[in-house]
Amino acid sequence: MFGLSWGELMVVGVVALIVVGPKDLPGLFRSVGEFTGKARRMAREFSRAMEQAAEDSGVNDINKTIRAATNPTKFGTDAIKDSVTSTFKEGSETAKLSEQRQADKKKIDEAMAKAATERMEREAAEKAAAEATPKPAAKPKPKTATKAKPKVAAKPKAAPKAKAKPKPKPKAET
């Protein structure tokens, strides 16, 4: 509102209650509310009148032009946008070339789809022909009787040899 916090508004309200009194306080709030409403309406009417005057005098157009000139990125993108839209308008050479390219692409796509279909049909026919030709029967392998090998008893392991005791060394006499 006027940069007042809730604490400041409470202080103003308490002072108003003390100065005006509780009996006349509602009437005071009502008249203050009516005054602020009138002030807001007058401010709104003034803003509308100024906007209307600016539109009538053409200030808005000048203002837009100045803002566009001061913003180089927007100014540049607008120029590019205008040139692109004029390039691709119907009947322009670029539009005709684009349409021709799309038509050629469509023809190529149709031809590729047709070739793929033909290839699939040819592969299916080759597969069917391969399945239809009889395969030579495989000769059965003769079963040979295998003799069981006799089990050979394992040799018992020899006990480890005892190590020879070293001979005692003769004692030297002293």
N, C-alpha and C. Protein backbone atom coordinates (compact mmCIF):
# COMPACT_ATOMS: atom_id res chain seq x y z
N MET A 1 0.85 -1.17 0.00
CA MET A 1 0.00 0.00 0.00
C MET A 1 0.89 1.24 0.00
N PHE A 2 1.23 1.79 1.17
CA PHE A 2 2.11 2.95 1.25
C PHE A 2 3.45 2.56 1.85
N GLY A 3 3.76 1.28 1.80
CA GLY A 3 5.01 0.82 2.38
C GLY A 3 4.90 0.61 3.88
N LEU A 4 3.69 0.41 4.36
CA LEU A 4 3.49 0.19 5.79
C LEU A 4 3.42 -1.30 6.07
N SER A 5 4.06 -1.70 7.18
CA SER A 5 3.98 -3.10 7.58
C SER A 5 2.77 -3.29 8.49
N TRP A 6 2.51 -4.54 8.85
CA TRP A 6 1.34 -4.82 9.69
C TRP A 6 1.51 -4.18 11.07
N GLY A 7 2.71 -4.16 11.58
CA GLY A 7 2.95 -3.53 12.89
C GLY A 7 2.63 -2.05 12.86
N GLU A 8 3.07 -1.37 11.79
CA GLU A 8 2.81 0.07 11.66
C GLU A 8 1.31 0.33 11.51
N LEU A 9 0.63 -0.53 10.76
CA LEU A 9 -0.82 -0.37 10.61
C LEU A 9 -1.54 -0.54 11.95
N MET A 10 -1.05 -1.45 12.79
CA MET A 10 -1.66 -1.65 14.12
C MET A 10 -1.47 -0.39 14.98
N VAL A 11 -0.29 0.21 14.90
CA VAL A 11 -0.04 1.44 15.67
C VAL A 11 -0.99 2.54 15.20
N VAL A 12 -1.15 2.69 13.89
CA VAL A 12 -2.06 3.71 13.34
C VAL A 12 -3.48 3.43 13.81
N GLY A 13 -3.89 2.14 13.79
CA GLY A 13 -5.24 1.80 14.24
C GLY A 13 -5.47 2.11 15.71
N VAL A 14 -4.49 1.83 16.56
CA VAL A 14 -4.62 2.12 18.01
C VAL A 14 -4.69 3.62 18.23
N VAL A 15 -3.85 4.39 17.53
CA VAL A 15 -3.88 5.85 17.66
C VAL A 15 -5.22 6.39 17.19
N ALA A 16 -5.75 5.85 16.07
CA ALA A 16 -7.05 6.29 15.57
C ALA A 16 -8.15 5.96 16.58
N LEU A 17 -8.06 4.82 17.23
CA LEU A 17 -9.07 4.42 18.23
C LEU A 17 -9.04 5.37 19.42
N ILE A 18 -7.82 5.78 19.81
CA ILE A 18 -7.69 6.69 20.96
C ILE A 18 -8.15 8.09 20.60
N VAL A 19 -7.73 8.59 19.41
CA VAL A 19 -8.04 9.96 19.02
C VAL A 19 -9.51 10.11 18.63
N VAL A 20 -10.03 9.22 17.77
CA VAL A 20 -11.39 9.35 17.24
C VAL A 20 -12.40 8.79 18.23
N GLY A 21 -12.05 7.69 18.84
CA GLY A 21 -12.97 7.04 19.78
C GLY A 21 -13.66 5.88 19.10
N PRO A 22 -14.08 4.92 19.93
CA PRO A 22 -14.69 3.71 19.36
C PRO A 22 -16.03 3.96 18.69
N LYS A 23 -16.72 5.03 19.07
CA LYS A 23 -18.05 5.29 18.53
C LYS A 23 -17.98 5.77 17.09
N ASP A 24 -17.05 6.64 16.76
CA ASP A 24 -16.95 7.24 15.43
C ASP A 24 -15.95 6.51 14.51
N LEU A 25 -15.26 5.51 15.03
CA LEU A 25 -14.23 4.81 14.25
C LEU A 25 -14.79 4.12 13.00
N PRO A 26 -15.93 3.39 13.04
CA PRO A 26 -16.46 2.76 11.81
C PRO A 26 -16.79 3.78 10.72
N GLY A 27 -17.33 4.93 11.09
CA GLY A 27 -17.63 5.98 10.10
C GLY A 27 -16.36 6.50 9.47
N LEU A 28 -15.29 6.64 10.27
CA LEU A 28 -14.01 7.11 9.75
C LEU A 28 -13.45 6.11 8.73
N PHE A 29 -13.48 4.80 9.09
CA PHE A 29 -12.99 3.77 8.16
C PHE A 29 -13.78 3.76 6.86
N ARG A 30 -15.11 3.97 6.96
CA ARG A 30 -15.95 3.99 5.77
C ARG A 30 -15.57 5.16 4.86
N SER A 31 -15.38 6.34 5.44
CA SER A 31 -15.04 7.51 4.62
C SER A 31 -13.63 7.37 4.02
N VAL A 32 -12.68 6.77 4.77
CA VAL A 32 -11.34 6.54 4.24
C VAL A 32 -11.41 5.56 3.06
N GLY A 33 -12.22 4.50 3.18
CA GLY A 33 -12.39 3.53 2.10
C GLY A 33 -12.98 4.17 0.86
N GLU A 34 -14.01 5.04 1.05
CA GLU A 34 -14.60 5.73 -0.10
C GLU A 34 -13.57 6.64 -0.77
N PHE A 35 -12.76 7.32 0.04
CA PHE A 35 -11.75 8.22 -0.51
C PHE A 35 -10.71 7.44 -1.34
N THR A 36 -10.23 6.31 -0.82
CA THR A 36 -9.23 5.54 -1.57
C THR A 36 -9.85 4.96 -2.84
N GLY A 37 -11.12 4.55 -2.81
CA GLY A 37 -11.79 4.07 -4.02
C GLY A 37 -11.88 5.14 -5.08
N LYS A 38 -12.23 6.36 -4.66
CA LYS A 38 -12.31 7.48 -5.61
C LYS A 38 -10.92 7.77 -6.20
N ALA A 39 -9.90 7.73 -5.37
CA ALA A 39 -8.54 8.01 -5.84
C ALA A 39 -8.11 6.96 -6.86
N ARG A 40 -8.42 5.71 -6.61
CA ARG A 40 -8.06 4.65 -7.56
C ARG A 40 -8.80 4.82 -8.88
N ARG A 41 -10.10 5.15 -8.81
CA ARG A 41 -10.87 5.36 -10.05
C ARG A 41 -10.30 6.51 -10.86
N MET A 42 -9.93 7.59 -10.17
CA MET A 42 -9.37 8.75 -10.87
C MET A 42 -8.02 8.38 -11.51
N ALA A 43 -7.21 7.61 -10.84
CA ALA A 43 -5.92 7.20 -11.38
C ALA A 43 -6.12 6.31 -12.60
N ARG A 44 -7.09 5.40 -12.52
CA ARG A 44 -7.38 4.53 -13.66
C ARG A 44 -7.87 5.34 -14.86
N GLU A 45 -8.77 6.30 -14.63
CA GLU A 45 -9.26 7.14 -15.72
C GLU A 45 -8.13 7.96 -16.34
N PHE A 46 -7.24 8.48 -15.50
CA PHE A 46 -6.12 9.27 -15.99
C PHE A 46 -5.21 8.41 -16.87
N SER A 47 -4.92 7.17 -16.43
CA SER A 47 -4.07 6.26 -17.21
C SER A 47 -4.71 5.95 -18.56
N ARG A 48 -6.00 5.68 -18.54
CA ARG A 48 -6.69 5.38 -19.81
C ARG A 48 -6.66 6.58 -20.75
N ALA A 49 -6.87 7.78 -20.20
CA ALA A 49 -6.85 8.98 -21.04
C ALA A 49 -5.47 9.19 -21.65
N MET A 50 -4.41 8.94 -20.89
CA MET A 50 -3.06 9.11 -21.42
C MET A 50 -2.76 8.07 -22.49
N GLU A 51 -3.20 6.82 -22.28
CA GLU A 51 -2.99 5.78 -23.29
C GLU A 51 -3.73 6.09 -24.58
N GLN A 52 -4.97 6.61 -24.44
CA GLN A 52 -5.76 6.97 -25.62
C GLN A 52 -5.09 8.12 -26.38
N ALA A 53 -4.57 9.09 -25.66
CA ALA A 53 -3.91 10.22 -26.30
C ALA A 53 -2.65 9.74 -27.03
N ALA A 54 -1.92 8.81 -26.42
CA ALA A 54 -0.71 8.28 -27.05
C ALA A 54 -1.05 7.52 -28.32
N GLU A 55 -2.13 6.73 -28.29
CA GLU A 55 -2.56 5.99 -29.49
C GLU A 55 -2.98 6.96 -30.60
N ASP A 56 -3.69 7.99 -30.23
CA ASP A 56 -4.15 8.95 -31.24
C ASP A 56 -2.99 9.70 -31.88
N SER A 57 -1.97 10.00 -31.13
CA SER A 57 -0.86 10.80 -31.67
C SER A 57 0.21 9.92 -32.33
N GLY A 58 0.14 8.63 -32.18
CA GLY A 58 1.11 7.73 -32.82
C GLY A 58 2.38 7.56 -32.02
N VAL A 59 2.36 7.93 -30.77
CA VAL A 59 3.54 7.80 -29.93
C VAL A 59 3.87 6.31 -29.71
N ASN A 60 2.85 5.46 -29.64
CA ASN A 60 3.09 4.03 -29.42
C ASN A 60 3.91 3.42 -30.56
N ASP A 61 3.60 3.82 -31.79
CA ASP A 61 4.35 3.30 -32.93
C ASP A 61 5.82 3.73 -32.86
N ILE A 62 6.03 4.99 -32.53
CA ILE A 62 7.39 5.49 -32.41
C ILE A 62 8.11 4.78 -31.26
N ASN A 63 7.39 4.59 -30.17
CA ASN A 63 7.97 3.91 -29.00
C ASN A 63 8.38 2.48 -29.36
N LYS A 64 7.54 1.77 -30.10
CA LYS A 64 7.88 0.40 -30.52
C LYS A 64 9.10 0.39 -31.43
N THR A 65 9.17 1.35 -32.34
CA THR A 65 10.31 1.44 -33.25
C THR A 65 11.59 1.72 -32.49
N ILE A 66 11.52 2.61 -31.54
CA ILE A 66 12.71 2.95 -30.75
C ILE A 66 13.14 1.75 -29.91
N ARG A 67 12.19 1.07 -29.29
CA ARG A 67 12.54 -0.12 -28.48
C ARG A 67 13.16 -1.21 -29.36
N ALA A 68 12.62 -1.41 -30.56
CA ALA A 68 13.18 -2.42 -31.46
C ALA A 68 14.59 -2.04 -31.91
N ALA A 69 14.82 -0.75 -32.13
CA ALA A 69 16.14 -0.31 -32.56
C ALA A 69 17.16 -0.43 -31.43
N THR A 70 16.72 -0.25 -30.19
CA THR A 70 17.65 -0.36 -29.06
C THR A 70 17.92 -1.81 -28.68
N ASN A 71 17.11 -2.75 -29.15
CA ASN A 71 17.31 -4.17 -28.85
C ASN A 71 17.81 -4.85 -30.13
N PRO A 72 19.12 -4.96 -30.32
CA PRO A 72 19.64 -5.46 -31.60
C PRO A 72 19.27 -6.91 -31.88
N THR A 73 19.15 -7.74 -30.83
CA THR A 73 18.82 -9.15 -31.10
C THR A 73 17.41 -9.26 -31.65
N LYS A 74 16.47 -8.53 -31.06
CA LYS A 74 15.10 -8.59 -31.56
C LYS A 74 15.01 -7.95 -32.94
N PHE A 75 15.74 -6.85 -33.14
CA PHE A 75 15.72 -6.18 -34.43
C PHE A 75 16.25 -7.11 -35.52
N GLY A 76 17.32 -7.82 -35.23
CA GLY A 76 17.91 -8.74 -36.21
C GLY A 76 17.01 -9.93 -36.48
N THR A 77 16.40 -10.49 -35.45
CA THR A 77 15.53 -11.65 -35.65
C THR A 77 14.27 -11.27 -36.41
N ASP A 78 13.77 -10.05 -36.18
CA ASP A 78 12.60 -9.61 -36.93
C ASP A 78 12.93 -9.48 -38.41
N ALA A 79 14.10 -8.96 -38.72
CA ALA A 79 14.49 -8.80 -40.12
C ALA A 79 14.64 -10.17 -40.79
N ILE A 80 15.24 -11.10 -40.07
CA ILE A 80 15.40 -12.46 -40.62
C ILE A 80 14.04 -13.12 -40.82
N LYS A 81 13.18 -12.96 -39.83
CA LYS A 81 11.84 -13.54 -39.92
C LYS A 81 11.09 -12.99 -41.14
N ASP A 82 11.18 -11.69 -41.33
CA ASP A 82 10.50 -11.08 -42.48
C ASP A 82 11.06 -11.60 -43.80
N SER A 83 12.38 -11.74 -43.88
CA SER A 83 12.97 -12.20 -45.14
C SER A 83 12.62 -13.66 -45.41
N VAL A 84 12.57 -14.47 -44.36
CA VAL A 84 12.22 -15.89 -44.53
C VAL A 84 10.77 -16.04 -44.98
N THR A 85 9.86 -15.29 -44.35
CA THR A 85 8.45 -15.40 -44.74
C THR A 85 8.24 -14.92 -46.16
N SER A 86 8.97 -13.88 -46.57
CA SER A 86 8.80 -13.41 -47.95
C SER A 86 9.41 -14.41 -48.93
N THR A 87 10.44 -15.14 -48.52
CA THR A 87 11.09 -16.12 -49.39
C THR A 87 10.17 -17.31 -49.64
N PHE A 88 9.46 -17.74 -48.60
CA PHE A 88 8.65 -18.95 -48.71
C PHE A 88 7.18 -18.69 -49.00
N LYS A 89 6.84 -17.50 -49.44
CA LYS A 89 5.45 -17.24 -49.81
C LYS A 89 5.08 -18.11 -50.99
N GLU A 90 3.79 -18.45 -51.07
CA GLU A 90 3.33 -19.29 -52.19
C GLU A 90 3.61 -18.59 -53.51
N GLY A 91 4.07 -19.36 -54.47
CA GLY A 91 4.36 -18.83 -55.79
C GLY A 91 5.80 -18.39 -55.96
N SER A 92 6.56 -18.33 -54.85
CA SER A 92 7.96 -17.93 -55.00
C SER A 92 8.76 -19.11 -55.54
N GLU A 93 9.92 -18.82 -56.05
CA GLU A 93 10.77 -19.85 -56.64
C GLU A 93 11.18 -20.89 -55.60
N THR A 94 11.48 -20.41 -54.39
CA THR A 94 11.88 -21.33 -53.31
C THR A 94 10.75 -22.28 -52.95
N ALA A 95 9.53 -21.76 -52.89
CA ALA A 95 8.39 -22.61 -52.57
C ALA A 95 8.18 -23.67 -53.64
N LYS A 96 8.37 -23.28 -54.92
CA LYS A 96 8.21 -24.25 -56.00
C LYS A 96 9.27 -25.35 -55.91
N LEU A 97 10.52 -24.95 -55.63
CA LEU A 97 11.59 -25.95 -55.49
C LEU A 97 11.33 -26.88 -54.31
N SER A 98 10.81 -26.34 -53.24
CA SER A 98 10.52 -27.16 -52.06
C SER A 98 9.42 -28.18 -52.37
N GLU A 99 8.40 -27.73 -53.07
CA GLU A 99 7.32 -28.65 -53.46
C GLU A 99 7.84 -29.75 -54.39
N GLN A 100 8.69 -29.38 -55.35
CA GLN A 100 9.27 -30.36 -56.28
C GLN A 100 10.11 -31.38 -55.52
N ARG A 101 10.89 -30.90 -54.56
CA ARG A 101 11.73 -31.80 -53.76
C ARG A 101 10.88 -32.78 -52.96
N GLN A 102 9.80 -32.30 -52.38
CA GLN A 102 8.92 -33.18 -51.61
C GLN A 102 8.27 -34.22 -52.52
N ALA A 103 7.89 -33.81 -53.74
CA ALA A 103 7.28 -34.76 -54.67
C ALA A 103 8.30 -35.82 -55.08
N ASP A 104 9.54 -35.39 -55.36
CA ASP A 104 10.59 -36.36 -55.72
C ASP A 104 10.87 -37.32 -54.58
N LYS A 105 10.90 -36.82 -53.37
CA LYS A 105 11.14 -37.68 -52.20
C LYS A 105 10.02 -38.71 -52.06
N LYS A 106 8.80 -38.29 -52.31
CA LYS A 106 7.67 -39.21 -52.21
C LYS A 106 7.79 -40.31 -53.26
N LYS A 107 8.21 -39.96 -54.49
CA LYS A 107 8.39 -40.95 -55.54
C LYS A 107 9.48 -41.95 -55.17
N ILE A 108 10.58 -41.44 -54.63
CA ILE A 108 11.68 -42.31 -54.23
C ILE A 108 11.24 -43.27 -53.13
N ASP A 109 10.50 -42.75 -52.16
CA ASP A 109 10.02 -43.60 -51.06
C ASP A 109 9.10 -44.70 -51.59
N GLU A 110 8.22 -44.35 -52.53
CA GLU A 110 7.32 -45.35 -53.11
C GLU A 110 8.11 -46.42 -53.87
N ALA A 111 9.12 -46.01 -54.64
CA ALA A 111 9.92 -46.96 -55.40
C ALA A 111 10.69 -47.89 -54.46
N MET A 112 11.22 -47.35 -53.36
CA MET A 112 11.95 -48.18 -52.40
C MET A 112 11.01 -49.18 -51.72
N ALA A 113 9.80 -48.74 -51.41
CA ALA A 113 8.84 -49.65 -50.78
C ALA A 113 8.46 -50.76 -51.75
N LYS A 114 8.28 -50.42 -53.03
CA LYS A 114 7.93 -51.42 -54.04
C LYS A 114 9.07 -52.43 -54.20
N ALA A 115 10.32 -51.95 -54.26
CA ALA A 115 11.46 -52.85 -54.40
C ALA A 115 11.59 -53.77 -53.19
N ALA A 116 11.35 -53.25 -52.02
CA ALA A 116 11.43 -54.07 -50.80
C ALA A 116 10.35 -55.14 -50.81
N THR A 117 9.15 -54.79 -51.26
CA THR A 117 8.06 -55.76 -51.33
C THR A 117 8.40 -56.86 -52.32
N GLU A 118 8.92 -56.47 -53.49
CA GLU A 118 9.30 -57.47 -54.49
C GLU A 118 10.39 -58.39 -53.96
N ARG A 119 11.38 -57.84 -53.29
CA ARG A 119 12.46 -58.66 -52.73
C ARG A 119 11.92 -59.65 -51.70
N MET A 120 11.01 -59.21 -50.86
CA MET A 120 10.43 -60.10 -49.85
C MET A 120 9.62 -61.21 -50.51
N GLU A 121 8.87 -60.86 -51.57
CA GLU A 121 8.09 -61.88 -52.29
C GLU A 121 9.03 -62.89 -52.95
N ARG A 122 10.13 -62.41 -53.56
CA ARG A 122 11.08 -63.30 -54.21
C ARG A 122 11.73 -64.24 -53.19
N GLU A 123 12.12 -63.70 -52.04
CA GLU A 123 12.73 -64.54 -50.99
C GLU A 123 11.74 -65.57 -50.48
N ALA A 124 10.47 -65.18 -50.34
CA ALA A 124 9.46 -66.12 -49.87
C ALA A 124 9.27 -67.23 -50.90
N ALA A 125 9.28 -66.88 -52.20
CA ALA A 125 9.12 -67.89 -53.25
C ALA A 125 10.31 -68.84 -53.26
N GLU A 126 11.53 -68.32 -53.10
CA GLU A 126 12.71 -69.17 -53.06
C GLU A 126 12.67 -70.10 -51.86
N LYS A 127 12.21 -69.61 -50.75
CA LYS A 127 12.12 -70.43 -49.53
C LYS A 127 11.08 -71.54 -49.73
N ALA A 128 9.95 -71.21 -50.35
CA ALA A 128 8.91 -72.21 -50.60
C ALA A 128 9.42 -73.26 -51.58
N ALA A 129 10.17 -72.83 -52.61
CA ALA A 129 10.71 -73.79 -53.58
C ALA A 129 11.74 -74.70 -52.90
N ALA A 130 12.52 -74.15 -52.03
CA ALA A 130 13.53 -74.96 -51.33
C ALA A 130 12.86 -75.98 -50.42
N GLU A 131 11.77 -75.62 -49.83
CA GLU A 131 11.05 -76.55 -48.95
C GLU A 131 10.33 -77.62 -49.76
N ALA A 132 9.94 -77.29 -50.98
CA ALA A 132 9.18 -78.23 -51.80
C ALA A 132 10.08 -79.31 -52.40
N THR A 133 11.34 -79.04 -52.66
CA THR A 133 12.21 -80.06 -53.24
C THR A 133 12.58 -81.08 -52.17
N PRO A 134 12.48 -82.38 -52.53
CA PRO A 134 12.77 -83.40 -51.52
C PRO A 134 14.28 -83.46 -51.27
N LYS A 135 14.61 -83.68 -50.06
CA LYS A 135 16.01 -83.81 -49.68
C LYS A 135 16.36 -85.29 -49.73
N PRO A 136 17.57 -85.64 -50.15
CA PRO A 136 17.95 -87.06 -50.15
C PRO A 136 17.96 -87.58 -48.72
N ALA A 137 17.45 -88.83 -48.62
CA ALA A 137 17.36 -89.42 -47.29
C ALA A 137 18.76 -89.75 -46.81
N ALA A 138 19.00 -89.51 -45.59
CA ALA A 138 20.31 -89.79 -45.01
C ALA A 138 20.40 -91.27 -44.71
N LYS A 139 21.55 -91.88 -45.02
CA LYS A 139 21.74 -93.31 -44.76
C LYS A 139 21.84 -93.51 -43.26
N PRO A 140 21.12 -94.53 -42.78
CA PRO A 140 21.21 -94.76 -41.34
C PRO A 140 22.57 -95.36 -41.02
N LYS A 141 23.13 -94.97 -39.94
CA LYS A 141 24.43 -95.49 -39.53
C LYS A 141 24.24 -96.88 -38.94
N PRO A 142 25.08 -97.83 -39.36
CA PRO A 142 24.96 -99.17 -38.78
C PRO A 142 25.42 -99.14 -37.33
N LYS A 143 24.65 -99.84 -36.53
CA LYS A 143 25.00 -99.89 -35.12
C LYS A 143 26.00 -101.02 -34.93
N THR A 144 27.09 -100.73 -34.37
CA THR A 144 28.09 -101.75 -34.10
C THR A 144 28.02 -102.10 -32.63
N ALA A 145 28.17 -103.39 -32.37
CA ALA A 145 28.12 -103.83 -30.98
C ALA A 145 29.45 -103.49 -30.35
N THR A 146 29.40 -102.91 -29.26
CA THR A 146 30.62 -102.56 -28.54
C THR A 146 30.77 -103.51 -27.38
N LYS A 147 31.93 -104.06 -27.27
CA LYS A 147 32.19 -104.99 -26.17
C LYS A 147 32.62 -104.17 -24.97
N ALA A 148 32.15 -104.65 -23.86
CA ALA A 148 32.53 -104.00 -22.62
C ALA A 148 33.95 -104.38 -22.29
N LYS A 149 34.75 -103.49 -21.93
CA LYS A 149 36.14 -103.76 -21.58
C LYS A 149 36.18 -104.37 -20.19
N PRO A 150 36.98 -105.44 -20.04
CA PRO A 150 37.06 -106.04 -18.70
C PRO A 150 37.79 -105.09 -17.77
N LYS A 151 37.32 -105.10 -16.56
CA LYS A 151 37.95 -104.24 -15.58
C LYS A 151 39.19 -104.90 -15.06
N VAL A 152 40.22 -104.17 -14.99
CA VAL A 152 41.49 -104.68 -14.49
C VAL A 152 41.61 -104.25 -13.05
N ALA A 153 41.97 -105.22 -12.21
CA ALA A 153 42.09 -104.90 -10.81
C ALA A 153 43.30 -104.01 -10.63
N ALA A 154 43.16 -103.07 -9.80
CA ALA A 154 44.24 -102.14 -9.56
C ALA A 154 45.31 -102.80 -8.73
N LYS A 155 46.56 -102.51 -9.01
CA LYS A 155 47.67 -103.07 -8.26
C LYS A 155 47.71 -102.39 -6.91
N PRO A 156 47.98 -103.21 -5.89
CA PRO A 156 48.07 -102.57 -4.57
C PRO A 156 49.31 -101.69 -4.53
N LYS A 157 49.18 -100.65 -3.86
CA LYS A 157 50.30 -99.72 -3.76
C LYS A 157 51.29 -100.28 -2.78
N ALA A 158 52.53 -100.16 -3.12
CA ALA A 158 53.59 -100.65 -2.24
C ALA A 158 53.76 -99.69 -1.10
N ALA A 159 54.08 -100.27 0.05
CA ALA A 159 54.29 -99.43 1.21
C ALA A 159 55.55 -98.63 0.99
N PRO A 160 55.60 -97.47 1.47
CA PRO A 160 56.78 -96.66 1.26
C PRO A 160 57.99 -97.29 1.97
N LYS A 161 59.11 -97.22 1.32
CA LYS A 161 60.33 -97.80 1.86
C LYS A 161 60.79 -96.97 3.04
N ALA A 162 61.27 -97.70 4.02
CA ALA A 162 61.76 -97.01 5.21
C ALA A 162 63.11 -96.41 4.88
N LYS A 163 63.36 -95.31 5.40
CA LYS A 163 64.62 -94.63 5.14
C LYS A 163 65.73 -95.34 5.92
N ALA A 164 66.84 -95.43 5.29
CA ALA A 164 67.97 -96.07 5.94
C ALA A 164 68.52 -95.13 7.00
N LYS A 165 68.86 -95.76 8.12
CA LYS A 165 69.37 -94.95 9.21
C LYS A 165 70.80 -94.58 8.89
N PRO A 166 71.20 -93.40 9.14
CA PRO A 166 72.57 -93.02 8.86
C PRO A 166 73.51 -93.72 9.85
N LYS A 167 74.62 -94.01 9.33
CA LYS A 167 75.60 -94.71 10.16
C LYS A 167 76.18 -93.71 11.15
N PRO A 168 76.46 -94.23 12.39
CA PRO A 168 77.01 -93.30 13.36
C PRO A 168 78.47 -92.97 13.00
N LYS A 169 78.84 -91.77 13.22
CA LYS A 169 80.18 -91.31 12.93
C LYS A 169 81.10 -91.76 14.09
N PRO A 170 82.26 -92.19 13.72
CA PRO A 170 83.16 -92.58 14.79
C PRO A 170 83.61 -91.36 15.58
N LYS A 171 83.73 -91.57 16.83
CA LYS A 171 84.13 -90.45 17.67
C LYS A 171 85.64 -90.32 17.60
N ALA A 172 86.03 -89.15 17.52
CA ALA A 172 87.47 -88.91 17.46
C ALA A 172 88.05 -88.98 18.87
N GLU A 173 89.21 -89.56 18.96
CA GLU A 173 89.82 -89.67 20.27
C GLU A 173 90.65 -88.44 20.55
N THR A 174 90.62 -88.05 21.68
CA THR A 174 91.38 -86.88 22.06
C THR A 174 92.37 -87.12 23.11
